Amino acid sequence: MTLTAFPDLSACFLKNRQLLRGLLSKI
């Protein structure tokens, strides 16, 4: 894993967490 790819992974993780939180709030 390269250091330059880490920010992209963290951004994707935060996006996924927001999507999961949105789905849970809809239930």
N, C-alpha and C. Protein backbone atom coordinates (compact mmCIF):
# COMPACT_ATOMS: atom_id res chain seq x y z
N MET A 1 0.86 -1.20 0.00
CA MET A 1 0.00 0.00 0.00
C MET A 1 0.89 1.25 0.00
N THR A 2 0.56 2.17 -0.89
CA THR A 2 1.36 3.39 -0.96
C THR A 2 0.74 4.48 -0.10
N LEU A 3 1.56 5.41 0.35
CA LEU A 3 1.05 6.49 1.20
C LEU A 3 0.10 7.41 0.43
N THR A 4 0.31 7.52 -0.87
CA THR A 4 -0.53 8.41 -1.68
C THR A 4 -1.94 7.84 -1.83
N ALA A 5 -2.07 6.54 -1.69
CA ALA A 5 -3.38 5.90 -1.85
C ALA A 5 -4.18 5.96 -0.55
N PHE A 6 -3.51 6.24 0.56
CA PHE A 6 -4.19 6.23 1.86
C PHE A 6 -5.30 7.27 1.96
N PRO A 7 -5.07 8.53 1.55
CA PRO A 7 -6.14 9.54 1.62
C PRO A 7 -7.36 9.13 0.82
N ASP A 8 -7.15 8.50 -0.34
CA ASP A 8 -8.28 8.05 -1.16
C ASP A 8 -9.06 6.97 -0.42
N LEU A 9 -8.36 6.06 0.22
CA LEU A 9 -9.03 4.98 0.96
C LEU A 9 -9.81 5.55 2.13
N SER A 10 -9.22 6.50 2.84
CA SER A 10 -9.91 7.09 4.00
C SER A 10 -11.13 7.87 3.54
N ALA A 11 -11.03 8.55 2.39
CA ALA A 11 -12.18 9.30 1.87
C ALA A 11 -13.30 8.34 1.49
N CYS A 12 -12.94 7.23 0.85
CA CYS A 12 -13.95 6.22 0.47
C CYS A 12 -14.58 5.64 1.72
N PHE A 13 -13.78 5.41 2.76
CA PHE A 13 -14.31 4.84 4.00
C PHE A 13 -15.31 5.79 4.64
N LEU A 14 -14.98 7.08 4.66
CA LEU A 14 -15.89 8.07 5.25
C LEU A 14 -17.17 8.15 4.44
N LYS A 15 -17.07 8.08 3.11
CA LYS A 15 -18.26 8.11 2.26
C LYS A 15 -19.14 6.90 2.54
N ASN A 16 -18.50 5.73 2.62
CA ASN A 16 -19.26 4.50 2.89
C ASN A 16 -19.93 4.58 4.25
N ARG A 17 -19.25 5.16 5.23
CA ARG A 17 -19.81 5.26 6.58
C ARG A 17 -21.03 6.19 6.56
N GLN A 18 -20.93 7.27 5.79
CA GLN A 18 -22.06 8.21 5.70
C GLN A 18 -23.23 7.52 5.01
N LEU A 19 -22.96 6.72 3.96
CA LEU A 19 -24.03 6.02 3.25
C LEU A 19 -24.69 5.00 4.17
N LEU A 20 -23.88 4.26 4.93
CA LEU A 20 -24.43 3.27 5.86
C LEU A 20 -25.27 3.95 6.93
N ARG A 21 -24.81 5.08 7.42
CA ARG A 21 -25.55 5.81 8.45
C ARG A 21 -26.88 6.31 7.88
N GLY A 22 -26.87 6.74 6.62
CA GLY A 22 -28.09 7.20 5.96
C GLY A 22 -29.08 6.06 5.79
N LEU A 23 -28.57 4.88 5.41
CA LEU A 23 -29.45 3.72 5.23
C LEU A 23 -30.05 3.30 6.57
N LEU A 24 -29.24 3.32 7.62
CA LEU A 24 -29.73 2.92 8.94
C LEU A 24 -30.78 3.89 9.45
N SER A 25 -30.63 5.16 9.13
CA SER A 25 -31.59 6.16 9.61
C SER A 25 -32.92 6.03 8.87
N LYS A 26 -32.88 5.46 7.66
CA LYS A 26 -34.11 5.29 6.88
C LYS A 26 -34.94 4.13 7.42
N ILE A 27 -34.28 3.15 8.01
CA ILE A 27 -34.98 1.96 8.52
C ILE A 27 -35.86 2.35 9.71
